[in-house]
PDB file of all heavy atoms in Angstrom:
ATOM      1  N   LEU A   1     278.727 141.774 131.205  1.00  0.00           N
ATOM      2  CA  LEU A   1     279.477 140.931 130.334  1.00  0.00           C
ATOM      3  C   LEU A   1     280.363 141.801 129.448  1.00  0.00           C
ATOM      4  O   LEU A   1     281.491 141.424 129.125  1.00  0.00           O
ATOM      5  CB  LEU A   1     278.585 140.064 129.472  1.00  0.00           C
ATOM      6  CG  LEU A   1     277.759 138.994 130.275  1.00  0.00           C
ATOM      7  CD1 LEU A   1     277.015 138.117 129.324  1.00  0.00           C
ATOM      8  CD2 LEU A   1     278.685 138.137 131.220  1.00  0.00           C
ATOM      9  N   ALA A   2     279.889 142.950 129.011  1.00  0.00           N
ATOM     10  CA  ALA A   2     280.666 143.859 128.205  1.00  0.00           C
ATOM     11  C   ALA A   2     281.879 144.383 129.019  1.00  0.00           C
ATOM     12  O   ALA A   2     282.987 144.508 128.536  1.00  0.00           O
ATOM     13  CB  ALA A   2     279.806 145.060 127.703  1.00  0.00           C
ATOM     14  N   GLU A   3     281.612 144.666 130.299  1.00  0.00           N
ATOM     15  CA  GLU A   3     282.731 145.119 131.171  1.00  0.00           C
ATOM     16  C   GLU A   3     283.716 143.969 131.419  1.00  0.00           C
ATOM     17  O   GLU A   3     284.936 144.280 131.426  1.00  0.00           O
ATOM     18  CB  GLU A   3     282.132 145.564 132.549  1.00  0.00           C
ATOM     19  CG  GLU A   3     283.162 145.965 133.592  1.00  0.00           C
ATOM     20  CD  GLU A   3     283.929 147.217 133.200  1.00  0.00           C
ATOM     21  OE1 GLU A   3     283.563 147.947 132.160  1.00  0.00           O
ATOM     22  OE2 GLU A   3     284.862 147.599 133.942  1.00  0.00           O
ATOM     23  N   ALA A   4     283.261 142.765 131.544  1.00  0.00           N
ATOM     24  CA  ALA A   4     284.157 141.700 131.680  1.00  0.00           C
ATOM     25  C   ALA A   4     285.046 141.522 130.482  1.00  0.00           C
ATOM     26  O   ALA A   4     286.264 141.245 130.606  1.00  0.00           O
ATOM     27  CB  ALA A   4     283.352 140.347 131.930  1.00  0.00           C
ATOM     28  N   ASP A   5     284.472 141.635 129.293  1.00  0.00           N
ATOM     29  CA  ASP A   5     285.280 141.604 128.012  1.00  0.00           C
ATOM     30  C   ASP A   5     286.247 142.733 127.999  1.00  0.00           C
ATOM     31  O   ASP A   5     287.386 142.581 127.523  1.00  0.00           O
ATOM     32  CB  ASP A   5     284.296 141.553 126.830  1.00  0.00           C
ATOM     33  CG  ASP A   5     283.554 140.245 126.787  1.00  0.00           C
ATOM     34  OD1 ASP A   5     284.004 139.244 127.350  1.00  0.00           O
ATOM     35  OD2 ASP A   5     282.526 140.295 126.068  1.00  0.00           O
ATOM     36  N   ARG A   6     285.809 143.951 128.329  1.00  0.00           N
ATOM     37  CA  ARG A   6     286.691 145.108 128.307  1.00  0.00           C
ATOM     38  C   ARG A   6     287.899 144.890 129.188  1.00  0.00           C
ATOM     39  O   ARG A   6     289.067 145.266 128.838  1.00  0.00           O
ATOM     40  CB  ARG A   6     285.913 146.353 128.748  1.00  0.00           C
ATOM     41  CG  ARG A   6     286.715 147.661 128.548  1.00  0.00           C
ATOM     42  CD  ARG A   6     286.006 148.836 129.125  1.00  0.00           C
ATOM     43  NE  ARG A   6     285.996 148.795 130.619  1.00  0.00           N
ATOM     44  CZ  ARG A   6     286.995 149.216 131.402  1.00  0.00           C
ATOM     45  NH1 ARG A   6     288.112 149.616 130.853  1.00  0.00           N
ATOM     46  NH2 ARG A   6     286.881 149.161 132.684  1.00  0.00           N
ATOM     47  N   ARG A   7     287.741 144.275 130.355  1.00  0.00           N
ATOM     48  CA  ARG A   7     288.777 144.043 131.274  1.00  0.00           C
ATOM     49  C   ARG A   7     289.480 142.667 131.149  1.00  0.00           C
ATOM     50  O   ARG A   7     290.250 142.291 131.947  1.00  0.00           O
ATOM     51  CB  ARG A   7     288.271 144.171 132.731  1.00  0.00           C
ATOM     52  CG  ARG A   7     287.780 145.596 133.031  1.00  0.00           C
ATOM     53  CD  ARG A   7     287.174 145.652 134.432  1.00  0.00           C
ATOM     54  NE  ARG A   7     288.093 145.222 135.475  1.00  0.00           N
ATOM     55  CZ  ARG A   7     287.818 145.058 136.715  1.00  0.00           C
ATOM     56  NH1 ARG A   7     286.530 145.186 137.127  1.00  0.00           N
ATOM     57  NH2 ARG A   7     288.726 144.665 137.601  1.00  0.00           N
ATOM     58  N   THR A   8     289.046 141.939 130.108  1.00  0.00           N
ATOM     59  CA  THR A   8     289.480 140.517 129.850  1.00  0.00           C
ATOM     60  C   THR A   8     289.373 139.693 131.091  1.00  0.00           C
ATOM     61  O   THR A   8     290.309 138.935 131.421  1.00  0.00           O
ATOM     62  CB  THR A   8     290.941 140.502 129.318  1.00  0.00           C
ATOM     63  OG1 THR A   8     291.849 141.102 130.274  1.00  0.00           O
ATOM     64  CG2 THR A   8     291.072 141.292 128.011  1.00  0.00           C
ATOM     65  N   LEU A   9     288.195 139.748 131.719  1.00  0.00           N
ATOM     66  CA  LEU A   9     287.961 138.957 132.927  1.00  0.00           C
ATOM     67  C   LEU A   9     286.988 137.800 132.577  1.00  0.00           C
ATOM     68  O   LEU A   9     285.948 138.102 131.893  1.00  0.00           O
ATOM     69  CB  LEU A   9     287.321 139.802 134.028  1.00  0.00           C
ATOM     70  CG  LEU A   9     288.359 140.665 134.849  1.00  0.00           C
ATOM     71  CD1 LEU A   9     287.544 141.579 135.810  1.00  0.00           C
ATOM     72  CD2 LEU A   9     289.298 139.804 135.627  1.00  0.00           C
ATOM     73  N   PRO A  10     287.186 136.633 132.987  1.00  0.00           N
ATOM     74  CA  PRO A  10     286.163 135.597 132.941  1.00  0.00           C
ATOM     75  C   PRO A  10     285.057 135.763 133.946  1.00  0.00           C
ATOM     76  O   PRO A  10     285.169 136.631 134.899  1.00  0.00           O
ATOM     77  CB  PRO A  10     286.921 134.308 133.225  1.00  0.00           C
ATOM     78  CG  PRO A  10     288.056 134.715 134.107  1.00  0.00           C
ATOM     79  CD  PRO A  10     288.402 136.141 133.685  1.00  0.00           C
ATOM     80  N   CYS A  11     283.958 135.059 133.732  1.00  0.00           N
ATOM     81  CA  CYS A  11     282.834 135.150 134.656  1.00  0.00           C
ATOM     82  C   CYS A  11     282.442 133.741 135.116  1.00  0.00           C
ATOM     83  O   CYS A  11     282.614 132.783 134.396  1.00  0.00           O
ATOM     84  CB  CYS A  11     281.605 135.761 133.983  1.00  0.00           C
ATOM     85  SG  CYS A  11     281.831 137.444 133.419  1.00  0.00           S
ATOM     86  N   TYR A  12     281.886 133.681 136.335  1.00  0.00           N
ATOM     87  CA  TYR A  12     281.564 132.389 136.922  1.00  0.00           C
ATOM     88  C   TYR A  12     280.158 132.479 137.599  1.00  0.00           C
ATOM     89  O   TYR A  12     279.779 133.520 138.115  1.00  0.00           O
ATOM     90  CB  TYR A  12     282.606 132.024 137.925  1.00  0.00           C
ATOM     91  CG  TYR A  12     282.264 130.767 138.751  1.00  0.00           C
ATOM     92  CD1 TYR A  12     282.377 129.468 138.184  1.00  0.00           C
ATOM     93  CD2 TYR A  12     281.918 130.827 140.111  1.00  0.00           C
ATOM     94  CE1 TYR A  12     282.098 128.322 138.911  1.00  0.00           C
ATOM     95  CE2 TYR A  12     281.624 129.705 140.828  1.00  0.00           C
ATOM     96  CZ  TYR A  12     281.682 128.462 140.248  1.00  0.00           C
ATOM     97  OH  TYR A  12     281.416 127.278 140.931  1.00  0.00           O
ATOM     98  N   LEU A  13     279.435 131.406 137.580  1.00  0.00           N
ATOM     99  CA  LEU A  13     278.159 131.306 138.252  1.00  0.00           C
ATOM    100  C   LEU A  13     277.881 129.867 138.659  1.00  0.00           C
ATOM    101  O   LEU A  13     278.468 128.958 138.143  1.00  0.00           O
ATOM    102  CB  LEU A  13     277.036 131.905 137.465  1.00  0.00           C
ATOM    103  CG  LEU A  13     276.683 131.213 136.123  1.00  0.00           C
ATOM    104  CD1 LEU A  13     275.696 130.068 136.278  1.00  0.00           C
ATOM    105  CD2 LEU A  13     276.120 132.298 135.150  1.00  0.00           C
ATOM    106  N   GLU A  14     276.995 129.653 139.637  1.00  0.00           N
ATOM    107  CA  GLU A  14     276.453 128.350 139.948  1.00  0.00           C
ATOM    108  C   GLU A  14     274.951 128.335 139.527  1.00  0.00           C
ATOM    109  O   GLU A  14     274.186 129.064 140.136  1.00  0.00           O
ATOM    110  CB  GLU A  14     276.577 128.046 141.431  1.00  0.00           C
ATOM    111  CG  GLU A  14     277.987 127.990 141.906  1.00  0.00           C
ATOM    112  CD  GLU A  14     278.319 129.138 142.850  1.00  0.00           C
ATOM    113  OE1 GLU A  14     277.450 130.051 142.999  1.00  0.00           O
ATOM    114  OE2 GLU A  14     279.433 129.130 143.459  1.00  0.00           O
ATOM    115  N   ASN A  15     274.659 127.595 138.570  1.00  0.00           N
ATOM    116  CA  ASN A  15     273.278 127.487 138.056  1.00  0.00           C
ATOM    117  C   ASN A  15     272.511 126.434 138.916  1.00  0.00           C
ATOM    118  O   ASN A  15     272.913 125.286 138.915  1.00  0.00           O
ATOM    119  CB  ASN A  15     273.276 127.106 136.570  1.00  0.00           C
ATOM    120  CG  ASN A  15     271.854 126.899 136.050  1.00  0.00           C
ATOM    121  OD1 ASN A  15     270.912 127.443 136.649  1.00  0.00           O
ATOM    122  ND2 ASN A  15     271.732 126.110 135.002  1.00  0.00           N
ATOM    123  N   SER A  16     271.500 126.866 139.642  1.00  0.00           N
ATOM    124  CA  SER A  16     270.790 126.002 140.545  1.00  0.00           C
ATOM    125  C   SER A  16     269.505 125.435 139.947  1.00  0.00           C
ATOM    126  O   SER A  16     268.748 124.788 140.638  1.00  0.00           O
ATOM    127  CB  SER A  16     270.521 126.718 141.852  1.00  0.00           C
ATOM    128  OG  SER A  16     269.850 127.978 141.633  1.00  0.00           O
ATOM    129  N   ASN A  17     269.246 125.785 138.671  1.00  0.00           N
ATOM    130  CA  ASN A  17     268.010 125.268 138.032  1.00  0.00           C
ATOM    131  C   ASN A  17     268.312 124.995 136.581  1.00  0.00           C
ATOM    132  O   ASN A  17     268.652 125.823 135.787  1.00  0.00           O
ATOM    133  CB  ASN A  17     266.874 126.366 138.130  1.00  0.00           C
ATOM    134  CG  ASN A  17     265.492 125.793 137.762  1.00  0.00           C
ATOM    135  OD1 ASN A  17     265.436 124.811 136.985  1.00  0.00           O
ATOM    136  ND2 ASN A  17     264.536 126.451 138.313  1.00  0.00           N
ATOM    137  N   PRO A  18     268.164 123.670 136.170  1.00  0.00           N
ATOM    138  CA  PRO A  18     268.624 123.288 134.820  1.00  0.00           C
ATOM    139  C   PRO A  18     267.762 123.968 133.679  1.00  0.00           C
ATOM    140  O   PRO A  18     268.240 124.053 132.580  1.00  0.00           O
ATOM    141  CB  PRO A  18     268.337 121.758 134.830  1.00  0.00           C
ATOM    142  CG  PRO A  18     267.439 121.459 135.958  1.00  0.00           C
ATOM    143  CD  PRO A  18     267.752 122.510 137.007  1.00  0.00           C
ATOM    144  N   ILE A  19     266.632 124.522 134.028  1.00  0.00           N
ATOM    145  CA  ILE A  19     265.863 125.182 132.935  1.00  0.00           C
ATOM    146  C   ILE A  19     266.547 126.490 132.459  1.00  0.00           C
ATOM    147  O   ILE A  19     266.236 127.020 131.410  1.00  0.00           O
ATOM    148  CB  ILE A  19     264.429 125.495 133.367  1.00  0.00           C
ATOM    149  CG1 ILE A  19     264.406 126.536 134.476  1.00  0.00           C
ATOM    150  CG2 ILE A  19     263.687 124.219 133.769  1.00  0.00           C
ATOM    151  CD1 ILE A  19     262.983 127.021 134.855  1.00  0.00           C
ATOM    152  N   ASN A  20     267.504 126.960 133.276  1.00  0.00           N
ATOM    153  CA  ASN A  20     268.259 128.170 132.896  1.00  0.00           C
ATOM    154  C   ASN A  20     269.535 127.895 132.142  1.00  0.00           C
ATOM    155  O   ASN A  20     270.225 128.875 131.711  1.00  0.00           O
ATOM    156  CB  ASN A  20     268.595 128.983 134.183  1.00  0.00           C
ATOM    157  CG  ASN A  20     267.319 129.465 134.870  1.00  0.00           C
ATOM    158  OD1 ASN A  20     266.304 129.806 134.238  1.00  0.00           O
ATOM    159  ND2 ASN A  20     267.372 129.437 136.188  1.00  0.00           N
ATOM    160  N   THR A  21     269.899 126.657 131.961  1.00  0.00           N
ATOM    161  CA  THR A  21     271.187 126.339 131.315  1.00  0.00           C
ATOM    162  C   THR A  21     271.279 126.946 129.897  1.00  0.00           C
ATOM    163  O   THR A  21     272.290 127.483 129.543  1.00  0.00           O
ATOM    164  CB  THR A  21     271.415 124.805 131.210  1.00  0.00           C
ATOM    165  OG1 THR A  21     271.414 124.298 132.579  1.00  0.00           O
ATOM    166  CG2 THR A  21     272.749 124.505 130.564  1.00  0.00           C
ATOM    167  N   GLY A  22     270.207 126.815 129.179  1.00  0.00           N
ATOM    168  CA  GLY A  22     270.223 127.365 127.770  1.00  0.00           C
ATOM    169  C   GLY A  22     270.380 128.868 127.747  1.00  0.00           C
ATOM    170  O   GLY A  22     271.093 129.381 126.897  1.00  0.00           O
ATOM    171  N   PHE A  23     269.776 129.554 128.711  1.00  0.00           N
ATOM    172  CA  PHE A  23     269.956 131.017 128.809  1.00  0.00           C
ATOM    173  C   PHE A  23     271.389 131.394 129.038  1.00  0.00           C
ATOM    174  O   PHE A  23     271.915 132.255 128.327  1.00  0.00           O
ATOM    175  CB  PHE A  23     269.094 131.547 129.948  1.00  0.00           C
ATOM    176  CG  PHE A  23     269.253 132.957 130.267  1.00  0.00           C
ATOM    177  CD1 PHE A  23     268.758 133.949 129.486  1.00  0.00           C
ATOM    178  CD2 PHE A  23     270.019 133.325 131.439  1.00  0.00           C
ATOM    179  CE1 PHE A  23     268.944 135.322 129.842  1.00  0.00           C
ATOM    180  CE2 PHE A  23     270.195 134.659 131.749  1.00  0.00           C
ATOM    181  CZ  PHE A  23     269.710 135.676 130.913  1.00  0.00           C
ATOM    182  N   TYR A  24     272.049 130.723 129.916  1.00  0.00           N
ATOM    183  CA  TYR A  24     273.435 131.033 130.172  1.00  0.00           C
ATOM    184  C   TYR A  24     274.317 130.600 129.005  1.00  0.00           C
ATOM    185  O   TYR A  24     275.307 131.300 128.632  1.00  0.00           O
ATOM    186  CB  TYR A  24     273.931 130.370 131.515  1.00  0.00           C
ATOM    187  CG  TYR A  24     273.248 130.861 132.732  1.00  0.00           C
ATOM    188  CD1 TYR A  24     272.552 130.013 133.586  1.00  0.00           C
ATOM    189  CD2 TYR A  24     273.275 132.211 133.016  1.00  0.00           C
ATOM    190  CE1 TYR A  24     271.922 130.521 134.753  1.00  0.00           C
ATOM    191  CE2 TYR A  24     272.668 132.736 134.122  1.00  0.00           C
ATOM    192  CZ  TYR A  24     271.994 131.850 135.019  1.00  0.00           C
ATOM    193  OH  TYR A  24     271.434 132.374 136.153  1.00  0.00           O
ATOM    194  N   ASN A  25     274.038 129.453 128.419  1.00  0.00           N
ATOM    195  CA  ASN A  25     274.830 129.065 127.201  1.00  0.00           C
ATOM    196  C   ASN A  25     274.747 130.095 126.121  1.00  0.00           C
ATOM    197  O   ASN A  25     275.717 130.350 125.409  1.00  0.00           O
ATOM    198  CB  ASN A  25     274.256 127.746 126.657  1.00  0.00           C
ATOM    199  CG  ASN A  25     274.601 126.507 127.465  1.00  0.00           C
ATOM    200  OD1 ASN A  25     273.956 125.460 127.444  1.00  0.00           O
ATOM    201  ND2 ASN A  25     275.680 126.575 128.296  1.00  0.00           N
ATOM    202  N   ALA A  26     273.568 130.720 126.006  1.00  0.00           N
ATOM    203  CA  ALA A  26     273.375 131.718 124.884  1.00  0.00           C
ATOM    204  C   ALA A  26     274.249 132.949 125.173  1.00  0.00           C
ATOM    205  O   ALA A  26     274.450 133.741 124.252  1.00  0.00           O
ATOM    206  CB  ALA A  26     271.930 132.056 124.753  1.00  0.00           C
ATOM    207  N   HIS A  27     274.700 133.143 126.389  1.00  0.00           N
ATOM    208  CA  HIS A  27     275.470 134.308 126.770  1.00  0.00           C
ATOM    209  C   HIS A  27     276.951 133.928 126.998  1.00  0.00           C
ATOM    210  O   HIS A  27     277.698 134.677 127.598  1.00  0.00           O
ATOM    211  CB  HIS A  27     274.936 134.991 127.973  1.00  0.00           C
ATOM    212  CG  HIS A  27     273.616 135.698 127.713  1.00  0.00           C
ATOM    213  ND1 HIS A  27     272.386 135.047 127.835  1.00  0.00           N
ATOM    214  CD2 HIS A  27     273.316 136.956 127.257  1.00  0.00           C
ATOM    215  CE1 HIS A  27     271.428 135.856 127.492  1.00  0.00           C
ATOM    216  NE2 HIS A  27     271.943 137.087 127.138  1.00  0.00           N
ATOM    217  N   GLY A  28     277.369 132.716 126.494  1.00  0.00           N
ATOM    218  CA  GLY A  28     278.718 132.363 126.481  1.00  0.00           C
ATOM    219  C   GLY A  28     279.204 131.578 127.618  1.00  0.00           C
ATOM    220  O   GLY A  28     280.398 131.239 127.708  1.00  0.00           O
ATOM    221  N   PHE A  29     278.350 131.208 128.554  1.00  0.00           N
ATOM    222  CA  PHE A  29     278.706 130.354 129.682  1.00  0.00           C
ATOM    223  C   PHE A  29     278.697 128.810 129.267  1.00  0.00           C
ATOM    224  O   PHE A  29     277.850 128.419 128.479  1.00  0.00           O
ATOM    225  CB  PHE A  29     277.757 130.544 130.845  1.00  0.00           C
ATOM    226  CG  PHE A  29     277.914 131.830 131.584  1.00  0.00           C
ATOM    227  CD1 PHE A  29     277.232 132.938 131.197  1.00  0.00           C
ATOM    228  CD2 PHE A  29     278.811 131.919 132.665  1.00  0.00           C
ATOM    229  CE1 PHE A  29     277.357 134.137 131.851  1.00  0.00           C
ATOM    230  CE2 PHE A  29     278.883 133.144 133.307  1.00  0.00           C
ATOM    231  CZ  PHE A  29     278.199 134.244 132.904  1.00  0.00           C
ATOM    232  N   ARG A  30     279.618 128.086 129.767  1.00  0.00           N
ATOM    233  CA  ARG A  30     279.667 126.672 129.558  1.00  0.00           C
ATOM    234  C   ARG A  30     279.789 125.952 130.848  1.00  0.00           C
ATOM    235  O   ARG A  30     280.370 126.491 131.843  1.00  0.00           O
ATOM    236  CB  ARG A  30     280.860 126.300 128.616  1.00  0.00           C
ATOM    237  CG  ARG A  30     282.227 126.734 129.242  1.00  0.00           C
ATOM    238  CD  ARG A  30     283.375 126.436 128.253  1.00  0.00           C
ATOM    239  NE  ARG A  30     284.578 127.012 128.738  1.00  0.00           N
ATOM    240  CZ  ARG A  30     285.425 126.437 129.627  1.00  0.00           C
ATOM    241  NH1 ARG A  30     285.140 125.238 130.043  1.00  0.00           N
ATOM    242  NH2 ARG A  30     286.526 127.026 129.955  1.00  0.00           N
ATOM    243  N   THR A  31     279.334 124.739 130.902  1.00  0.00           N
ATOM    244  CA  THR A  31     279.327 123.969 132.192  1.00  0.00           C
ATOM    245  C   THR A  31     280.729 123.387 132.302  1.00  0.00           C
ATOM    246  O   THR A  31     281.288 122.733 131.424  1.00  0.00           O
ATOM    247  CB  THR A  31     278.285 122.789 132.118  1.00  0.00           C
ATOM    248  OG1 THR A  31     277.018 123.362 131.902  1.00  0.00           O
ATOM    249  CG2 THR A  31     278.320 122.000 133.411  1.00  0.00           C
ATOM    250  N   ILE A  32     281.347 123.591 133.525  1.00  0.00           N
ATOM    251  CA  ILE A  32     282.656 123.062 133.786  1.00  0.00           C
ATOM    252  C   ILE A  32     282.609 121.877 134.747  1.00  0.00           C
ATOM    253  O   ILE A  32     283.491 121.040 134.773  1.00  0.00           O
ATOM    254  CB  ILE A  32     283.623 124.130 134.300  1.00  0.00           C
ATOM    255  CG1 ILE A  32     283.052 124.877 135.505  1.00  0.00           C
ATOM    256  CG2 ILE A  32     283.972 125.103 133.211  1.00  0.00           C
ATOM    257  CD1 ILE A  32     284.076 125.866 136.114  1.00  0.00           C
ATOM    258  N   GLU A  33     281.536 121.807 135.561  1.00  0.00           N
ATOM    259  CA  GLU A  33     281.335 120.714 136.413  1.00  0.00           C
ATOM    260  C   GLU A  33     279.951 120.759 137.065  1.00  0.00           C
ATOM    261  O   GLU A  33     279.318 121.789 137.058  1.00  0.00           O
ATOM    262  CB  GLU A  33     282.393 120.570 137.588  1.00  0.00           C
ATOM    263  CG  GLU A  33     282.375 121.742 138.561  1.00  0.00           C
ATOM    264  CD  GLU A  33     283.270 121.479 139.756  1.00  0.00           C
ATOM    265  OE1 GLU A  33     283.497 120.304 140.141  1.00  0.00           O
ATOM    266  OE2 GLU A  33     283.794 122.445 140.293  1.00  0.00           O
ATOM    267  N   LYS A  34     279.476 119.678 137.698  1.00  0.00           N
ATOM    268  CA  LYS A  34     278.318 119.620 138.496  1.00  0.00           C
ATOM    269  C   LYS A  34     278.664 119.067 139.853  1.00  0.00           C
ATOM    270  O   LYS A  34     279.431 118.117 139.891  1.00  0.00           O
ATOM    271  CB  LYS A  34     277.209 118.825 137.839  1.00  0.00           C
ATOM    272  CG  LYS A  34     276.659 119.439 136.536  1.00  0.00           C
ATOM    273  CD  LYS A  34     275.526 118.609 136.006  1.00  0.00           C
ATOM    274  CE  LYS A  34     274.990 119.234 134.696  1.00  0.00           C
ATOM    275  NZ  LYS A  34     273.864 118.532 134.124  1.00  0.00           N
ATOM    276  N   PHE A  35     278.190 119.673 140.860  1.00  0.00           N
ATOM    277  CA  PHE A  35     278.529 119.173 142.195  1.00  0.00           C
ATOM    278  C   PHE A  35     277.279 119.305 143.110  1.00  0.00           C
ATOM    279  O   PHE A  35     276.345 120.016 142.835  1.00  0.00           O
ATOM    280  CB  PHE A  35     279.719 119.963 142.808  1.00  0.00           C
ATOM    281  CG  PHE A  35     279.438 121.442 143.057  1.00  0.00           C
ATOM    282  CD1 PHE A  35     279.052 121.888 144.263  1.00  0.00           C
ATOM    283  CD2 PHE A  35     279.777 122.389 142.032  1.00  0.00           C
ATOM    284  CE1 PHE A  35     278.834 123.273 144.488  1.00  0.00           C
ATOM    285  CE2 PHE A  35     279.584 123.732 142.260  1.00  0.00           C
ATOM    286  CZ  PHE A  35     279.130 124.163 143.469  1.00  0.00           C
ATOM    287  N   SER A  36     277.328 118.561 144.212  1.00  0.00           N
ATOM    288  CA  SER A  36     276.200 118.495 145.176  1.00  0.00           C
ATOM    289  C   SER A  36     276.467 119.346 146.417  1.00  0.00           C
ATOM    290  O   SER A  36     277.653 119.430 146.886  1.00  0.00           O
ATOM    291  CB  SER A  36     275.977 117.030 145.524  1.00  0.00           C
ATOM    292  OG  SER A  36     274.969 116.967 146.582  1.00  0.00           O
ATOM    293  N   CYS A  37     275.390 119.845 146.966  1.00  0.00           N
ATOM    294  CA  CYS A  37     275.503 120.639 148.213  1.00  0.00           C
ATOM    295  C   CYS A  37     275.370 119.709 149.454  1.00  0.00           C
ATOM    296  O   CYS A  37     275.489 120.123 150.577  1.00  0.00           O
ATOM    297  CB  CYS A  37     274.408 121.688 148.271  1.00  0.00           C
ATOM    298  SG  CYS A  37     274.686 123.008 147.093  1.00  0.00           S
ATOM    299  N   GLY A  38     274.968 118.492 149.223  1.00  0.00           N
ATOM    300  CA  GLY A  38     274.767 117.573 150.320  1.00  0.00           C
ATOM    301  C   GLY A  38     274.003 116.340 149.846  1.00  0.00           C
ATOM    302  O   GLY A  38     273.486 116.301 148.723  1.00  0.00           O
ATOM    303  N   GLU A  39     273.853 115.398 150.629  1.00  0.00           N
ATOM    304  CA  GLU A  39     273.172 114.100 150.343  1.00  0.00           C
ATOM    305  C   GLU A  39     271.723 114.417 149.934  1.00  0.00           C
ATOM    306  O   GLU A  39     270.931 115.038 150.675  1.00  0.00           O
ATOM    307  CB  GLU A  39     273.219 113.135 151.487  1.00  0.00           C
ATOM    308  CG  GLU A  39     272.633 111.754 151.138  1.00  0.00           C
ATOM    309  CD  GLU A  39     272.822 110.805 152.302  1.00  0.00           C
ATOM    310  OE1 GLU A  39     273.401 111.096 153.301  1.00  0.00           O
ATOM    311  OE2 GLU A  39     272.193 109.679 152.206  1.00  0.00           O
ATOM    312  N   GLY A  40     271.304 114.025 148.746  1.00  0.00           N
ATOM    313  CA  GLY A  40     269.954 114.209 148.287  1.00  0.00           C
ATOM    314  C   GLY A  40     269.704 115.494 147.617  1.00  0.00           C
ATOM    315  O   GLY A  40     268.551 115.741 147.183  1.00  0.00           O
ATOM    316  N   ALA A  41     270.723 116.344 147.518  1.00  0.00           N
ATOM    317  CA  ALA A  41     270.511 117.726 146.963  1.00  0.00           C
ATOM    318  C   ALA A  41     270.530 117.666 145.413  1.00  0.00           C
ATOM    319  O   ALA A  41     271.265 116.930 144.848  1.00  0.00           O
ATOM    320  CB  ALA A  41     271.605 118.638 147.480  1.00  0.00           C
ATOM    321  N   PRO A  42     269.705 118.490 144.776  1.00  0.00           N
ATOM    322  CA  PRO A  42     269.814 118.576 143.315  1.00  0.00           C
ATOM    323  C   PRO A  42     271.220 119.212 143.038  1.00  0.00           C
ATOM    324  O   PRO A  42     271.782 119.932 143.841  1.00  0.00           O
ATOM    325  CB  PRO A  42     268.735 119.627 142.967  1.00  0.00           C
ATOM    326  CG  PRO A  42     267.820 119.661 144.166  1.00  0.00           C
ATOM    327  CD  PRO A  42     268.663 119.362 145.344  1.00  0.00           C
ATOM    328  N   PRO A  43     271.749 118.894 141.832  1.00  0.00           N
ATOM    329  CA  PRO A  43     273.129 119.405 141.580  1.00  0.00           C
ATOM    330  C   PRO A  43     273.162 120.833 141.285  1.00  0.00           C
ATOM    331  O   PRO A  43     272.247 121.420 140.742  1.00  0.00           O
ATOM    332  CB  PRO A  43     273.520 118.543 140.342  1.00  0.00           C
ATOM    333  CG  PRO A  43     272.225 118.211 139.702  1.00  0.00           C
ATOM    334  CD  PRO A  43     271.230 118.081 140.803  1.00  0.00           C
TER     335      PRO A  43
END
């Protein structure tokens, strides 16, 4: 993350477990959308 800031680059991830949302929020990540991998899949 320090390198991303040094290079003024954004970062992206797909969070596959909602219990980790708070961890990522604490490091500056925000949710931009939720999407499905298929019928019946968790988002």
